[in-house]
Amino acid sequence: MDERKRKLLKEIVEVYIKTVKPVGSKALCNKFKCSSATIRNEMAHLEELGYLEKNHISSGRIPSEKGYKYYVKNLMEPEKLNGKDMLKLQTIFANHDLELSDAITQCMEIISELTNYTSVVLGNSSKDNLLLQINIITISPNQVVAVVCTDKGHVENKTFNLKEGTDLNELIKVSELINKRLVGTPIDEVSERLELEIKPIIQKQIKQYETIYHIFYDAFNDFVLNNSNNVHMSGRTKIFEQPEYNNVDEIKRLANKLEDMAFIKKIESNEASDDEVKIYIGEETEFDPNVTIIRKKYTINGEEKTIAIIGPKRMDYQRIVSLLNYIDAEVDSRKEEYGNNE
């Protein structure tokens, strides 16, 4: 592809992204200082090469999936964020009362609002968390809080109202037994080991063993239920505001995928060296052939997270990459500020 074709393809992709209208030769004559016939010939060559396509004989051209991929790899230049976008994200990161992971989640919600695309934040599921400890905190003689902590820094609290006569000392004794025997166990396996290993012991030693056993069983079970998917999605229906999605069957098909956690989890990054913003278009998303997914992986406090934007193939690539690069820079700055202990 020569330089003029490269510039022509770049212009057609960027105009189509903004206007959602096929681009004709007349619209490009002034910019490229060429006759309409010359532009048509160049566009025809780009179509033969597979970078452009047209819907019907009289229409202008639109980028093909191959054209978008070439644009992203060779022609795209991340744009400078406008002041309004930057201010909204800066406000989130300036709030140091927010955990870094929560700041990222809120920024993704803002990006979804700004762009009318769907955003996703994926973290490790409960099976990736190992039990670090469980503590019992007494609130009153008849109420306690069970605090479950994992090696990834996840903490879940569950409040229990105790039956009359429950011995708090026995409750603490069982928590110490669990911490002695089950630390390092994957959280989703703790309940099973609780049944097989802990229950037989406390059955012999603890007077109200059934009541106390169920307190711990419920605490661990709640943790697994609350963290089984560990997916935060914003703007699930925002993508359907894009003009590409005007077909009822297409909307239903994509909506079903956005509701299916098995499909959503496919977005998660499993690449060890995936430390840059990555763009997947059409079939290569492994999610849906008619979308683009732009994603980034982070490691925060030892836990891996993946953030992603889902939109049409006619996504505003320059803006999304700039927004995610800005988040990336803020995350690095915050981690440095706190000694990478976030």
C-alpha atoms as a PDB file:
ATOM      1  CA  MET A   1       0.000   0.000   0.000  1.00  0.00           C
ATOM      2  CA  ASP A   2       1.528   3.319  -1.038  1.00  0.00           C
ATOM      3  CA  GLU A   3       1.399   6.495   1.042  1.00  0.00           C
ATOM      4  CA  ARG A   4      -1.658   7.966  -0.673  1.00  0.00           C
ATOM      5  CA  LYS A   5      -3.669   4.797  -0.149  1.00  0.00           C
ATOM      6  CA  ARG A   6      -2.604   4.720   3.499  1.00  0.00           C
ATOM      7  CA  LYS A   7      -3.735   8.316   4.021  1.00  0.00           C
ATOM      8  CA  LEU A   8      -6.951   7.661   2.120  1.00  0.00           C
ATOM      9  CA  LEU A   9      -7.783   4.601   4.195  1.00  0.00           C
ATOM     10  CA  LYS A  10      -7.042   6.515   7.420  1.00  0.00           C
ATOM     11  CA  GLU A  11      -9.376   9.322   6.358  1.00  0.00           C
ATOM     12  CA  ILE A  12     -12.197   6.966   5.336  1.00  0.00           C
ATOM     13  CA  VAL A  13     -12.002   5.028   8.621  1.00  0.00           C
ATOM     14  CA  GLU A  14     -12.023   8.184  10.752  1.00  0.00           C
ATOM     15  CA  VAL A  15     -14.806   9.865   8.770  1.00  0.00           C
ATOM     16  CA  TYR A  16     -16.964   6.750   8.904  1.00  0.00           C
ATOM     17  CA  ILE A  17     -16.400   6.384  12.656  1.00  0.00           C
ATOM     18  CA  LYS A  18     -17.724   9.925  13.172  1.00  0.00           C
ATOM     19  CA  THR A  19     -20.532  10.035  10.608  1.00  0.00           C
ATOM     20  CA  VAL A  20     -21.651   6.384  10.267  1.00  0.00           C
ATOM     21  CA  LYS A  21     -22.179   7.161   6.578  1.00  0.00           C
ATOM     22  CA  PRO A  22     -20.422   5.521   3.593  1.00  0.00           C
ATOM     23  CA  VAL A  23     -17.687   7.823   2.297  1.00  0.00           C
ATOM     24  CA  GLY A  24     -17.861   8.906  -1.358  1.00  0.00           C
ATOM     25  CA  SER A  25     -15.073  10.153  -3.617  1.00  0.00           C
ATOM     26  CA  LYS A  26     -16.405  13.720  -3.881  1.00  0.00           C
ATOM     27  CA  ALA A  27     -16.071  14.249  -0.140  1.00  0.00           C
ATOM     28  CA  LEU A  28     -12.323  13.496  -0.368  1.00  0.00           C
ATOM     29  CA  CYS A  29     -11.309  15.537  -3.429  1.00  0.00           C
ATOM     30  CA  ASN A  30     -10.478  18.773  -1.623  1.00  0.00           C
ATOM     31  CA  LYS A  31      -8.500  17.131   1.140  1.00  0.00           C
ATOM     32  CA  PHE A  32      -6.346  15.076  -1.209  1.00  0.00           C
ATOM     33  CA  LYS A  33      -6.296  17.670  -4.045  1.00  0.00           C
ATOM     34  CA  CYS A  34      -7.204  14.972  -6.567  1.00  0.00           C
ATOM     35  CA  SER A  35      -9.987  14.528  -9.054  1.00  0.00           C
ATOM     36  CA  SER A  36     -12.999  12.461  -8.155  1.00  0.00           C
ATOM     37  CA  ALA A  37     -11.947   9.855 -10.733  1.00  0.00           C
ATOM     38  CA  THR A  38      -8.508   9.473  -9.129  1.00  0.00           C
ATOM     39  CA  ILE A  39     -10.057   9.011  -5.676  1.00  0.00           C
ATOM     40  CA  ARG A  40     -12.506   6.442  -7.064  1.00  0.00           C
ATOM     41  CA  ASN A  41      -9.655   4.467  -8.599  1.00  0.00           C
ATOM     42  CA  GLU A  42      -7.728   4.484  -5.326  1.00  0.00           C
ATOM     43  CA  MET A  43     -10.834   3.427  -3.404  1.00  0.00           C
ATOM     44  CA  ALA A  44     -11.430   0.636  -5.913  1.00  0.00           C
ATOM     45  CA  HIS A  45      -7.868  -0.596  -5.335  1.00  0.00           C
ATOM     46  CA  LEU A  46      -8.399  -0.533  -1.569  1.00  0.00           C
ATOM     47  CA  GLU A  47     -11.593  -2.504  -2.055  1.00  0.00           C
ATOM     48  CA  GLU A  48      -9.757  -5.083  -4.186  1.00  0.00           C
ATOM     49  CA  LEU A  49      -7.171  -5.392  -1.426  1.00  0.00           C
ATOM     50  CA  GLY A  50      -9.980  -6.071   1.057  1.00  0.00           C
ATOM     51  CA  TYR A  51      -9.631  -2.898   3.169  1.00  0.00           C
ATOM     52  CA  LEU A  52     -12.888  -1.277   2.020  1.00  0.00           C
ATOM     53  CA  GLU A  53     -16.347  -2.571   1.130  1.00  0.00           C
ATOM     54  CA  LYS A  54     -19.651  -1.134  -0.030  1.00  0.00           C
ATOM     55  CA  ASN A  55     -23.225  -2.033   0.809  1.00  0.00           C
ATOM     56  CA  HIS A  56     -24.607  -1.645  -2.725  1.00  0.00           C
ATOM     57  CA  ILE A  57     -23.480  -0.481  -6.168  1.00  0.00           C
ATOM     58  CA  SER A  58     -24.200   3.249  -5.771  1.00  0.00           C
ATOM     59  CA  SER A  59     -22.956   3.676  -2.221  1.00  0.00           C
ATOM     60  CA  GLY A  60     -19.669   5.057  -1.021  1.00  0.00           C
ATOM     61  CA  ARG A  61     -17.190   2.820   0.784  1.00  0.00           C
ATOM     62  CA  ILE A  62     -16.961   1.777   4.405  1.00  0.00           C
ATOM     63  CA  PRO A  63     -14.037   0.086   6.182  1.00  0.00           C
ATOM     64  CA  SER A  64     -13.982  -3.709   6.215  1.00  0.00           C
ATOM     65  CA  GLU A  65     -12.842  -5.691   9.236  1.00  0.00           C
ATOM     66  CA  LYS A  66      -9.447  -5.994   7.529  1.00  0.00           C
ATOM     67  CA  GLY A  67      -9.444  -2.231   7.021  1.00  0.00           C
ATOM     68  CA  TYR A  68     -10.080  -1.572  10.707  1.00  0.00           C
ATOM     69  CA  LYS A  69      -7.291  -3.962  11.680  1.00  0.00           C
ATOM     70  CA  TYR A  70      -4.813  -2.281   9.319  1.00  0.00           C
ATOM     71  CA  TYR A  71      -5.866   1.130  10.646  1.00  0.00           C
ATOM     72  CA  VAL A  72      -5.360   0.107  14.269  1.00  0.00           C
ATOM     73  CA  LYS A  73      -1.985  -1.508  13.623  1.00  0.00           C
ATOM     74  CA  ASN A  74      -0.470   1.006  11.199  1.00  0.00           C
ATOM     75  CA  LEU A  75      -2.378   4.286  11.001  1.00  0.00           C
ATOM     76  CA  MET A  76      -4.103   5.133  14.267  1.00  0.00           C
ATOM     77  CA  GLU A  77      -2.717   7.856  16.503  1.00  0.00           C
ATOM     78  CA  PRO A  78      -4.196   8.114  20.027  1.00  0.00           C
ATOM     79  CA  GLU A  79      -5.823  11.515  20.327  1.00  0.00           C
ATOM     80  CA  LYS A  80      -5.224  13.989  23.116  1.00  0.00           C
ATOM     81  CA  LEU A  81      -7.958  13.800  25.732  1.00  0.00           C
ATOM     82  CA  ASN A  82     -10.262  16.776  25.849  1.00  0.00           C
ATOM     83  CA  GLY A  83     -10.478  18.709  29.101  1.00  0.00           C
ATOM     84  CA  LYS A  84     -13.960  17.470  29.972  1.00  0.00           C
ATOM     85  CA  ASP A  85     -13.043  13.786  29.711  1.00  0.00           C
ATOM     86  CA  MET A  86      -9.791  14.259  31.615  1.00  0.00           C
ATOM     87  CA  LEU A  87     -11.432  16.242  34.426  1.00  0.00           C
ATOM     88  CA  LYS A  88     -14.008  13.513  35.072  1.00  0.00           C
ATOM     89  CA  LEU A  89     -11.308  10.861  35.392  1.00  0.00           C
ATOM     90  CA  GLN A  90      -8.984  13.121  37.396  1.00  0.00           C
ATOM     91  CA  THR A  91     -11.750  13.720  39.930  1.00  0.00           C
ATOM     92  CA  ILE A  92     -11.988   9.976  40.582  1.00  0.00           C
ATOM     93  CA  PHE A  93      -8.241   9.449  41.030  1.00  0.00           C
ATOM     94  CA  ALA A  94      -7.964  12.569  43.188  1.00  0.00           C
ATOM     95  CA  ASN A  95     -10.237  10.934  45.772  1.00  0.00           C
ATOM     96  CA  HIS A  96      -7.663   9.074  47.872  1.00  0.00           C
ATOM     97  CA  ASP A  97     -10.378   7.643  50.111  1.00  0.00           C
ATOM     98  CA  LEU A  98     -11.167   5.301  47.222  1.00  0.00           C
ATOM     99  CA  GLU A  99      -9.320   2.014  46.892  1.00  0.00           C
ATOM    100  CA  LEU A 100      -7.438   1.904  43.590  1.00  0.00           C
ATOM    101  CA  SER A 101      -9.580  -0.975  42.294  1.00  0.00           C
ATOM    102  CA  ASP A 102     -12.746   1.014  43.090  1.00  0.00           C
ATOM    103  CA  ALA A 103     -11.335   4.074  41.307  1.00  0.00           C
ATOM    104  CA  ILE A 104     -10.740   1.992  38.176  1.00  0.00           C
ATOM    105  CA  THR A 105     -14.294   0.624  38.320  1.00  0.00           C
ATOM    106  CA  GLN A 106     -15.748   4.131  38.623  1.00  0.00           C
ATOM    107  CA  CYS A 107     -13.614   5.362  35.715  1.00  0.00           C
ATOM    108  CA  MET A 108     -14.927   2.544  33.537  1.00  0.00           C
ATOM    109  CA  GLU A 109     -18.478   3.564  34.428  1.00  0.00           C
ATOM    110  CA  ILE A 110     -17.666   7.117  33.317  1.00  0.00           C
ATOM    111  CA  ILE A 111     -16.162   5.904  30.035  1.00  0.00           C
ATOM    112  CA  SER A 112     -19.337   3.953  29.348  1.00  0.00           C
ATOM    113  CA  GLU A 113     -21.379   7.109  29.907  1.00  0.00           C
ATOM    114  CA  LEU A 114     -19.090   9.213  27.729  1.00  0.00           C
ATOM    115  CA  THR A 115     -18.974   6.820  24.778  1.00  0.00           C
ATOM    116  CA  ASN A 116     -22.221   4.793  24.834  1.00  0.00           C
ATOM    117  CA  TYR A 117     -20.167   1.600  24.876  1.00  0.00           C
ATOM    118  CA  THR A 118     -20.300  -1.228  27.417  1.00  0.00           C
ATOM    119  CA  SER A 119     -17.509  -1.450  30.000  1.00  0.00           C
ATOM    120  CA  VAL A 120     -16.426  -4.496  31.974  1.00  0.00           C
ATOM    121  CA  VAL A 121     -14.134  -4.987  34.962  1.00  0.00           C
ATOM    122  CA  LEU A 122     -13.130  -8.606  35.618  1.00  0.00           C
ATOM    123  CA  GLY A 123     -11.218  -9.795  38.661  1.00  0.00           C
ATOM    124  CA  ASN A 124     -10.153 -13.183  39.917  1.00  0.00           C
ATOM    125  CA  SER A 125     -13.047 -15.395  40.986  1.00  0.00           C
ATOM    126  CA  SER A 126     -13.353 -16.983  44.439  1.00  0.00           C
ATOM    127  CA  LYS A 127     -11.484 -20.120  43.285  1.00  0.00           C
ATOM    128  CA  ASP A 128      -8.367 -17.966  42.844  1.00  0.00           C
ATOM    129  CA  ASN A 129      -8.501 -16.802  46.488  1.00  0.00           C
ATOM    130  CA  LEU A 130      -6.919 -18.770  49.316  1.00  0.00           C
ATOM    131  CA  LEU A 131      -8.128 -18.487  52.902  1.00  0.00           C
ATOM    132  CA  LEU A 132      -5.830 -16.212  54.898  1.00  0.00           C
ATOM    133  CA  GLN A 133      -7.853 -16.104  58.100  1.00  0.00           C
ATOM    134  CA  ILE A 134     -11.316 -15.851  59.626  1.00  0.00           C
ATOM    135  CA  ASN A 135     -11.947 -13.658  62.651  1.00  0.00           C
ATOM    136  CA  ILE A 136     -14.926 -13.309  64.982  1.00  0.00           C
ATOM    137  CA  ILE A 137     -15.719  -9.803  66.209  1.00  0.00           C
ATOM    138  CA  THR A 138     -18.215  -9.431  69.048  1.00  0.00           C
ATOM    139  CA  ILE A 139     -20.740  -6.607  68.629  1.00  0.00           C
ATOM    140  CA  SER A 140     -23.000  -7.512  71.554  1.00  0.00           C
ATOM    141  CA  PRO A 141     -23.652 -10.619  73.681  1.00  0.00           C
ATOM    142  CA  ASN A 142     -26.090 -11.829  71.012  1.00  0.00           C
ATOM    143  CA  GLN A 143     -24.425 -10.579  67.804  1.00  0.00           C
ATOM    144  CA  VAL A 144     -21.085 -11.190  66.095  1.00  0.00           C
ATOM    145  CA  VAL A 145     -19.428 -10.448  62.765  1.00  0.00           C
ATOM    146  CA  ALA A 146     -17.472 -13.135  60.919  1.00  0.00           C
ATOM    147  CA  VAL A 147     -14.660 -11.568  58.850  1.00  0.00           C
ATOM    148  CA  VAL A 148     -13.212 -13.733  56.058  1.00  0.00           C
ATOM    149  CA  CYS A 149      -9.871 -12.587  54.577  1.00  0.00           C
ATOM    150  CA  THR A 150      -8.033 -14.029  51.566  1.00  0.00           C
ATOM    151  CA  ASP A 151      -4.480 -13.915  50.288  1.00  0.00           C
ATOM    152  CA  LYS A 152      -5.617 -11.556  47.483  1.00  0.00           C
ATOM    153  CA  GLY A 153      -6.801  -8.942  49.977  1.00  0.00           C
ATOM    154  CA  HIS A 154     -10.518  -9.703  49.651  1.00  0.00           C
ATOM    155  CA  VAL A 155     -12.514  -9.205  52.843  1.00  0.00           C
ATOM    156  CA  GLU A 156     -16.132 -10.264  53.400  1.00  0.00           C
ATOM    157  CA  ASN A 157     -18.137  -9.495  56.553  1.00  0.00           C
ATOM    158  CA  LYS A 158     -21.262 -11.324  57.653  1.00  0.00           C
ATOM    159  CA  THR A 159     -23.279 -10.438  60.756  1.00  0.00           C
ATOM    160  CA  PHE A 160     -24.940 -13.196  62.802  1.00  0.00           C
ATOM    161  CA  ASN A 161     -27.568 -12.999  65.519  1.00  0.00           C
ATOM    162  CA  LEU A 162     -26.702 -15.703  68.040  1.00  0.00           C
ATOM    163  CA  LYS A 163     -29.139 -18.088  69.629  1.00  0.00           C
ATOM    164  CA  GLU A 164     -29.586 -17.578  73.345  1.00  0.00           C
ATOM    165  CA  GLY A 165     -26.930 -19.372  75.316  1.00  0.00           C
ATOM    166  CA  THR A 166     -24.329 -19.491  72.548  1.00  0.00           C
ATOM    167  CA  ASP A 167     -20.864 -19.485  74.122  1.00  0.00           C
ATOM    168  CA  LEU A 168     -18.709 -16.780  72.478  1.00  0.00           C
ATOM    169  CA  ASN A 169     -15.554 -18.475  73.726  1.00  0.00           C
ATOM    170  CA  GLU A 170     -16.474 -21.645  71.845  1.00  0.00           C
ATOM    171  CA  LEU A 171     -17.104 -19.586  68.706  1.00  0.00           C
ATOM    172  CA  ILE A 172     -13.611 -18.061  68.932  1.00  0.00           C
ATOM    173  CA  LYS A 173     -12.134 -21.495  69.680  1.00  0.00           C
ATOM    174  CA  VAL A 174     -13.585 -22.867  66.421  1.00  0.00           C
ATOM    175  CA  SER A 175     -12.258 -19.866  64.448  1.00  0.00           C
ATOM    176  CA  GLU A 176      -8.777 -20.609  65.814  1.00  0.00           C
ATOM    177  CA  LEU A 177      -9.135 -24.257  64.790  1.00  0.00           C
ATOM    178  CA  ILE A 178     -10.139 -23.242  61.252  1.00  0.00           C
ATOM    179  CA  ASN A 179      -7.200 -20.829  61.010  1.00  0.00           C
ATOM    180  CA  LYS A 180      -4.849 -23.566  62.166  1.00  0.00           C
ATOM    181  CA  ARG A 181      -6.053 -26.265  59.761  1.00  0.00           C
ATOM    182  CA  LEU A 182      -7.558 -24.562  56.692  1.00  0.00           C
ATOM    183  CA  VAL A 183      -5.379 -21.527  55.954  1.00  0.00           C
ATOM    184  CA  GLY A 184      -4.149 -21.760  52.353  1.00  0.00           C
ATOM    185  CA  THR A 185      -7.241 -23.635  51.165  1.00  0.00           C
ATOM    186  CA  PRO A 186      -9.008 -22.258  48.047  1.00  0.00           C
ATOM    187  CA  ILE A 187     -12.096 -20.447  49.342  1.00  0.00           C
ATOM    188  CA  ASP A 188     -14.496 -22.494  47.227  1.00  0.00           C
ATOM    189  CA  GLU A 189     -13.134 -25.686  48.860  1.00  0.00           C
ATOM    190  CA  VAL A 190     -13.295 -24.478  52.479  1.00  0.00           C
ATOM    191  CA  SER A 191     -16.941 -25.470  53.047  1.00  0.00           C
ATOM    192  CA  GLU A 192     -16.221 -29.058  52.016  1.00  0.00           C
ATOM    193  CA  ARG A 193     -13.189 -29.302  54.299  1.00  0.00           C
ATOM    194  CA  LEU A 194     -15.219 -27.666  57.053  1.00  0.00           C
ATOM    195  CA  GLU A 195     -17.719 -30.530  56.773  1.00  0.00           C
ATOM    196  CA  LEU A 196     -15.163 -33.333  56.507  1.00  0.00           C
ATOM    197  CA  GLU A 197     -12.398 -32.158  58.855  1.00  0.00           C
ATOM    198  CA  ILE A 198     -13.664 -29.516  61.273  1.00  0.00           C
ATOM    199  CA  LYS A 199     -17.181 -30.692  62.045  1.00  0.00           C
ATOM    200  CA  PRO A 200     -16.107 -34.122  63.409  1.00  0.00           C
ATOM    201  CA  ILE A 201     -13.666 -32.397  65.786  1.00  0.00           C
ATOM    202  CA  ILE A 202     -16.049 -29.778  67.170  1.00  0.00           C
ATOM    203  CA  GLN A 203     -18.815 -32.365  67.432  1.00  0.00           C
ATOM    204  CA  LYS A 204     -16.805 -33.924  70.271  1.00  0.00           C
ATOM    205  CA  GLN A 205     -15.593 -30.703  71.899  1.00  0.00           C
ATOM    206  CA  ILE A 206     -18.266 -28.012  71.407  1.00  0.00           C
ATOM    207  CA  LYS A 207     -21.629 -28.089  73.132  1.00  0.00           C
ATOM    208  CA  GLN A 208     -23.640 -26.182  70.468  1.00  0.00           C
ATOM    209  CA  TYR A 209     -21.548 -27.448  67.586  1.00  0.00           C
ATOM    210  CA  GLU A 210     -24.392 -27.399  65.011  1.00  0.00           C
ATOM    211  CA  THR A 211     -25.156 -23.704  65.592  1.00  0.00           C
ATOM    212  CA  ILE A 212     -21.494 -22.726  65.554  1.00  0.00           C
ATOM    213  CA  TYR A 213     -20.703 -24.905  62.530  1.00  0.00           C
ATOM    214  CA  HIS A 214     -23.440 -23.226  60.471  1.00  0.00           C
ATOM    215  CA  ILE A 215     -22.138 -19.748  61.330  1.00  0.00           C
ATOM    216  CA  PHE A 216     -18.816 -20.551  59.680  1.00  0.00           C
ATOM    217  CA  TYR A 217     -20.391 -22.536  56.858  1.00  0.00           C
ATOM    218  CA  ASP A 218     -22.673 -19.596  55.983  1.00  0.00           C
ATOM    219  CA  ALA A 219     -19.794 -17.095  56.157  1.00  0.00           C
ATOM    220  CA  PHE A 220     -17.673 -19.066  53.666  1.00  0.00           C
ATOM    221  CA  ASN A 221     -20.631 -19.883  51.452  1.00  0.00           C
ATOM    222  CA  ASP A 222     -21.562 -16.184  51.213  1.00  0.00           C
ATOM    223  CA  PHE A 223     -18.002 -15.321  50.201  1.00  0.00           C
ATOM    224  CA  VAL A 224     -18.109 -17.822  47.318  1.00  0.00           C
ATOM    225  CA  LEU A 225     -21.527 -16.608  46.155  1.00  0.00           C
ATOM    226  CA  ASN A 226     -20.492 -12.948  46.253  1.00  0.00           C
ATOM    227  CA  ASN A 227     -17.253 -13.561  44.367  1.00  0.00           C
ATOM    228  CA  SER A 228     -18.092 -16.423  42.029  1.00  0.00           C
ATOM    229  CA  ASN A 229     -17.989 -14.194  38.950  1.00  0.00           C
ATOM    230  CA  ASN A 230     -16.345 -11.012  40.224  1.00  0.00           C
ATOM    231  CA  VAL A 231     -17.589  -9.099  37.197  1.00  0.00           C
ATOM    232  CA  HIS A 232     -18.641  -5.454  37.171  1.00  0.00           C
ATOM    233  CA  MET A 233     -20.408  -4.313  34.016  1.00  0.00           C
ATOM    234  CA  SER A 234     -21.552  -0.790  33.151  1.00  0.00           C
ATOM    235  CA  GLY A 235     -23.704   0.347  30.260  1.00  0.00           C
ATOM    236  CA  ARG A 236     -24.890  -3.136  29.365  1.00  0.00           C
ATOM    237  CA  THR A 237     -27.513  -1.585  27.080  1.00  0.00           C
ATOM    238  CA  LYS A 238     -25.424   1.438  26.015  1.00  0.00           C
ATOM    239  CA  ILE A 239     -24.001  -0.406  23.038  1.00  0.00           C
ATOM    240  CA  PHE A 240     -27.497  -0.752  21.587  1.00  0.00           C
ATOM    241  CA  GLU A 241     -27.675   3.026  21.216  1.00  0.00           C
ATOM    242  CA  GLN A 242     -25.121   2.688  18.413  1.00  0.00           C
ATOM    243  CA  PRO A 243     -26.704   2.832  14.928  1.00  0.00           C
ATOM    244  CA  GLU A 244     -25.283  -0.589  13.977  1.00  0.00           C
ATOM    245  CA  TYR A 245     -27.772  -2.230  16.296  1.00  0.00           C
ATOM    246  CA  ASN A 246     -31.106  -1.506  14.640  1.00  0.00           C
ATOM    247  CA  ASN A 247     -32.013  -5.129  13.979  1.00  0.00           C
ATOM    248  CA  VAL A 248     -34.111  -6.812  16.659  1.00  0.00           C
ATOM    249  CA  ASP A 249     -32.546 -10.242  16.131  1.00  0.00           C
ATOM    250  CA  GLU A 250     -29.026  -8.787  16.338  1.00  0.00           C
ATOM    251  CA  ILE A 251     -29.903  -6.949  19.555  1.00  0.00           C
ATOM    252  CA  LYS A 252     -31.349 -10.094  21.145  1.00  0.00           C
ATOM    253  CA  ARG A 253     -28.329 -12.176  20.150  1.00  0.00           C
ATOM    254  CA  LEU A 254     -25.805  -9.740  21.590  1.00  0.00           C
ATOM    255  CA  ALA A 255     -27.964  -9.001  24.658  1.00  0.00           C
ATOM    256  CA  ASN A 256     -27.991 -12.716  25.504  1.00  0.00           C
ATOM    257  CA  LYS A 257     -24.195 -12.803  25.339  1.00  0.00           C
ATOM    258  CA  LEU A 258     -23.916  -9.764  27.614  1.00  0.00           C
ATOM    259  CA  GLU A 259     -26.090 -11.582  30.160  1.00  0.00           C
ATOM    260  CA  ASP A 260     -24.085 -14.822  29.947  1.00  0.00           C
ATOM    261  CA  MET A 261     -21.165 -14.776  32.394  1.00  0.00           C
ATOM    262  CA  ALA A 262     -19.433 -17.600  30.491  1.00  0.00           C
ATOM    263  CA  PHE A 263     -19.203 -15.310  27.453  1.00  0.00           C
ATOM    264  CA  ILE A 264     -18.192 -12.298  29.526  1.00  0.00           C
ATOM    265  CA  LYS A 265     -15.377 -14.269  31.162  1.00  0.00           C
ATOM    266  CA  LYS A 266     -13.922 -14.885  27.680  1.00  0.00           C
ATOM    267  CA  ILE A 267     -12.949 -11.220  27.697  1.00  0.00           C
ATOM    268  CA  GLU A 268     -10.622 -11.799  30.640  1.00  0.00           C
ATOM    269  CA  SER A 269      -6.933 -11.669  29.798  1.00  0.00           C
ATOM    270  CA  ASN A 270      -4.896 -14.802  30.475  1.00  0.00           C
ATOM    271  CA  GLU A 271      -1.746 -13.589  28.750  1.00  0.00           C
ATOM    272  CA  ALA A 272       1.158 -13.297  31.177  1.00  0.00           C
ATOM    273  CA  SER A 273       2.784 -10.407  29.292  1.00  0.00           C
ATOM    274  CA  ASP A 274      -0.440  -8.565  28.457  1.00  0.00           C
ATOM    275  CA  ASP A 275       0.595  -5.217  29.951  1.00  0.00           C
ATOM    276  CA  GLU A 276      -0.458  -2.964  27.073  1.00  0.00           C
ATOM    277  CA  VAL A 277      -3.824  -1.807  25.752  1.00  0.00           C
ATOM    278  CA  LYS A 278      -4.883  -4.543  23.311  1.00  0.00           C
ATOM    279  CA  ILE A 279      -7.490  -4.292  20.541  1.00  0.00           C
ATOM    280  CA  TYR A 280      -9.485  -7.244  19.231  1.00  0.00           C
ATOM    281  CA  ILE A 281     -11.790  -6.795  16.240  1.00  0.00           C
ATOM    282  CA  GLY A 282     -14.599  -9.056  15.042  1.00  0.00           C
ATOM    283  CA  GLU A 283     -13.822 -12.780  15.030  1.00  0.00           C
ATOM    284  CA  GLU A 284     -10.601 -12.345  17.001  1.00  0.00           C
ATOM    285  CA  THR A 285     -12.574 -11.135  20.058  1.00  0.00           C
ATOM    286  CA  GLU A 286     -13.771 -14.728  20.652  1.00  0.00           C
ATOM    287  CA  PHE A 287     -16.893 -12.981  21.963  1.00  0.00           C
ATOM    288  CA  ASP A 288     -18.902 -11.775  18.975  1.00  0.00           C
ATOM    289  CA  PRO A 289     -17.994 -11.271  15.280  1.00  0.00           C
ATOM    290  CA  ASN A 290     -19.712  -7.874  15.123  1.00  0.00           C
ATOM    291  CA  VAL A 291     -17.956  -6.096  17.989  1.00  0.00           C
ATOM    292  CA  THR A 292     -14.577  -4.693  18.959  1.00  0.00           C
ATOM    293  CA  ILE A 293     -13.105  -5.253  22.415  1.00  0.00           C
ATOM    294  CA  ILE A 294     -10.336  -3.027  23.752  1.00  0.00           C
ATOM    295  CA  ARG A 295      -8.853  -4.293  26.990  1.00  0.00           C
ATOM    296  CA  LYS A 296      -6.063  -3.788  29.509  1.00  0.00           C
ATOM    297  CA  LYS A 297      -4.759  -5.995  32.314  1.00  0.00           C
ATOM    298  CA  TYR A 298      -3.659  -4.731  35.733  1.00  0.00           C
ATOM    299  CA  THR A 299      -2.109  -6.292  38.807  1.00  0.00           C
ATOM    300  CA  ILE A 300      -3.187  -4.546  41.991  1.00  0.00           C
ATOM    301  CA  ASN A 301      -2.135  -5.820  45.392  1.00  0.00           C
ATOM    302  CA  GLY A 302      -1.278  -9.180  43.865  1.00  0.00           C
ATOM    303  CA  GLU A 303      -4.652  -9.574  42.153  1.00  0.00           C
ATOM    304  CA  GLU A 304      -5.039  -9.534  38.387  1.00  0.00           C
ATOM    305  CA  LYS A 305      -7.873  -7.523  36.862  1.00  0.00           C
ATOM    306  CA  THR A 306      -8.915  -6.980  33.266  1.00  0.00           C
ATOM    307  CA  ILE A 307     -10.810  -3.892  32.128  1.00  0.00           C
ATOM    308  CA  ALA A 308     -12.471  -3.832  28.726  1.00  0.00           C
ATOM    309  CA  ILE A 309     -14.638  -1.699  26.477  1.00  0.00           C
ATOM    310  CA  ILE A 310     -17.111  -3.446  24.154  1.00  0.00           C
ATOM    311  CA  GLY A 311     -18.406  -1.520  21.155  1.00  0.00           C
ATOM    312  CA  PRO A 312     -19.143  -1.852  17.446  1.00  0.00           C
ATOM    313  CA  LYS A 313     -16.325  -2.435  14.968  1.00  0.00           C
ATOM    314  CA  ARG A 314     -16.838   1.241  14.107  1.00  0.00           C
ATOM    315  CA  MET A 315     -15.503   2.113  17.538  1.00  0.00           C
ATOM    316  CA  ASP A 316     -13.791   5.422  18.219  1.00  0.00           C
ATOM    317  CA  TYR A 317     -10.435   3.675  18.615  1.00  0.00           C
ATOM    318  CA  GLN A 318      -8.346   6.790  19.136  1.00  0.00           C
ATOM    319  CA  ARG A 319     -10.501   8.069  21.979  1.00  0.00           C
ATOM    320  CA  ILE A 320     -10.859   4.736  23.785  1.00  0.00           C
ATOM    321  CA  VAL A 321      -7.138   3.965  23.620  1.00  0.00           C
ATOM    322  CA  SER A 322      -6.383   7.461  24.952  1.00  0.00           C
ATOM    323  CA  LEU A 323      -8.847   7.033  27.815  1.00  0.00           C
ATOM    324  CA  LEU A 324      -7.399   3.650  28.802  1.00  0.00           C
ATOM    325  CA  ASN A 325      -3.835   4.966  28.501  1.00  0.00           C
ATOM    326  CA  TYR A 326      -4.786   7.806  30.834  1.00  0.00           C
ATOM    327  CA  ILE A 327      -6.180   5.329  33.386  1.00  0.00           C
ATOM    328  CA  ASP A 328      -3.007   3.257  33.011  1.00  0.00           C
ATOM    329  CA  ALA A 329      -0.801   6.278  33.757  1.00  0.00           C
ATOM    330  CA  GLU A 330      -2.900   7.231  36.790  1.00  0.00           C
ATOM    331  CA  VAL A 331      -2.774   3.663  38.134  1.00  0.00           C
ATOM    332  CA  ASP A 332       1.024   3.576  37.802  1.00  0.00           C
ATOM    333  CA  SER A 333       1.278   6.966  39.527  1.00  0.00           C
ATOM    334  CA  ARG A 334      -0.955   5.855  42.398  1.00  0.00           C
ATOM    335  CA  LYS A 335       0.937   2.579  42.856  1.00  0.00           C
ATOM    336  CA  GLU A 336       4.229   4.477  43.027  1.00  0.00           C
ATOM    337  CA  GLU A 337       2.752   6.938  45.508  1.00  0.00           C
ATOM    338  CA  TYR A 338       1.733   4.119  47.833  1.00  0.00           C
ATOM    339  CA  GLY A 339       4.829   2.038  47.327  1.00  0.00           C
ATOM    340  CA  ASN A 340       2.984  -0.487  45.126  1.00  0.00           C
ATOM    341  CA  ASN A 341       0.922  -1.571  48.138  1.00  0.00           C
ATOM    342  CA  GLU A 342      -2.474  -0.677  46.714  1.00  0.00           C
END
